[in-house]
Amino acid sequence: MNYKNQIAAGSILAIIVALGIILGPVFQLTELESTWSFILGFIAGVTAGLGVALSIFGLISRRKNG
């Protein structure tokens, strides 16, 4: 995977999760009444971290390769 694909995939993941974080409280998805809301929140956090890390790694790779 080249740096352009890394930056694009990381940005898309981060944007999707950011929308979920913004719209979550509006639709009352942040209440921990069930196990599923905790699991979905955990997956959203991991996905956001993966998206940010992938974007940063792509930017670093772009900087090294010129």
Protein backbone atom coordinates (compact mmCIF):
# COMPACT_ATOMS: atom_id res chain seq x y z
CA MET A 1 0.00 0.00 0.00
CA ASN A 2 1.56 3.27 -1.06
CA TYR A 3 1.35 6.48 0.90
CA LYS A 4 -1.54 7.92 -1.13
CA ASN A 5 -3.73 4.94 -0.30
CA GLN A 6 -2.69 5.07 3.36
CA ILE A 7 -3.60 8.73 3.68
CA ALA A 8 -6.92 8.23 1.88
CA ALA A 9 -7.97 5.15 3.87
CA GLY A 10 -6.95 6.70 7.17
CA SER A 11 -8.80 9.91 6.42
CA ILE A 12 -11.98 8.06 5.45
CA LEU A 13 -11.88 5.96 8.63
CA ALA A 14 -11.29 9.00 10.81
CA ILE A 15 -14.12 10.98 9.15
CA ILE A 16 -16.64 8.15 9.47
CA VAL A 17 -15.86 7.66 13.15
CA ALA A 18 -15.91 11.43 13.78
CA LEU A 19 -19.43 11.56 12.34
CA GLY A 20 -20.39 8.69 14.63
CA ILE A 21 -18.94 10.48 17.64
CA ILE A 22 -20.83 13.67 16.75
CA LEU A 23 -24.15 11.95 15.97
CA GLY A 24 -23.94 9.35 18.76
CA PRO A 25 -25.26 11.56 21.57
CA VAL A 26 -27.98 12.94 19.29
CA PHE A 27 -29.42 9.45 18.76
CA GLN A 28 -28.68 8.43 22.37
CA LEU A 29 -26.15 5.80 21.36
CA THR A 30 -23.78 6.72 24.17
CA GLU A 31 -25.87 5.26 26.99
CA LEU A 32 -24.30 2.09 28.34
CA GLU A 33 -27.57 0.23 28.90
CA SER A 34 -26.55 -2.78 26.88
CA THR A 35 -23.40 -4.64 26.04
CA TRP A 36 -23.75 -3.73 22.37
CA SER A 37 -23.38 -0.01 22.96
CA PHE A 38 -20.12 -0.63 24.81
CA ILE A 39 -18.85 -2.92 22.03
CA LEU A 40 -19.78 -0.41 19.33
CA GLY A 41 -18.08 2.40 21.24
CA PHE A 42 -14.96 0.30 21.66
CA ILE A 43 -14.90 -0.57 17.96
CA ALA A 44 -15.39 3.10 17.07
CA GLY A 45 -12.45 4.08 19.28
CA VAL A 46 -10.18 1.44 17.78
CA THR A 47 -11.23 2.42 14.26
CA ALA A 48 -10.58 6.10 14.95
CA GLY A 49 -7.13 5.29 16.30
CA LEU A 50 -6.38 3.11 13.30
CA GLY A 51 -7.49 5.83 10.89
CA VAL A 52 -5.36 8.49 12.53
CA ALA A 53 -2.32 6.21 12.76
CA LEU A 54 -2.68 5.17 9.13
CA SER A 55 -2.93 8.79 7.97
CA ILE A 56 0.11 9.85 9.99
CA PHE A 57 2.14 6.87 8.76
CA GLY A 58 1.20 7.77 5.18
CA LEU A 59 2.32 11.37 5.71
CA ILE A 60 5.62 10.18 7.17
CA SER A 61 6.14 7.80 4.24
CA ARG A 62 5.42 10.62 1.80
CA ARG A 63 7.95 12.85 3.54
CA LYS A 64 10.67 10.15 3.43
CA ASN A 65 10.10 9.24 -0.22
CA GLY A 66 10.05 12.80 -1.42
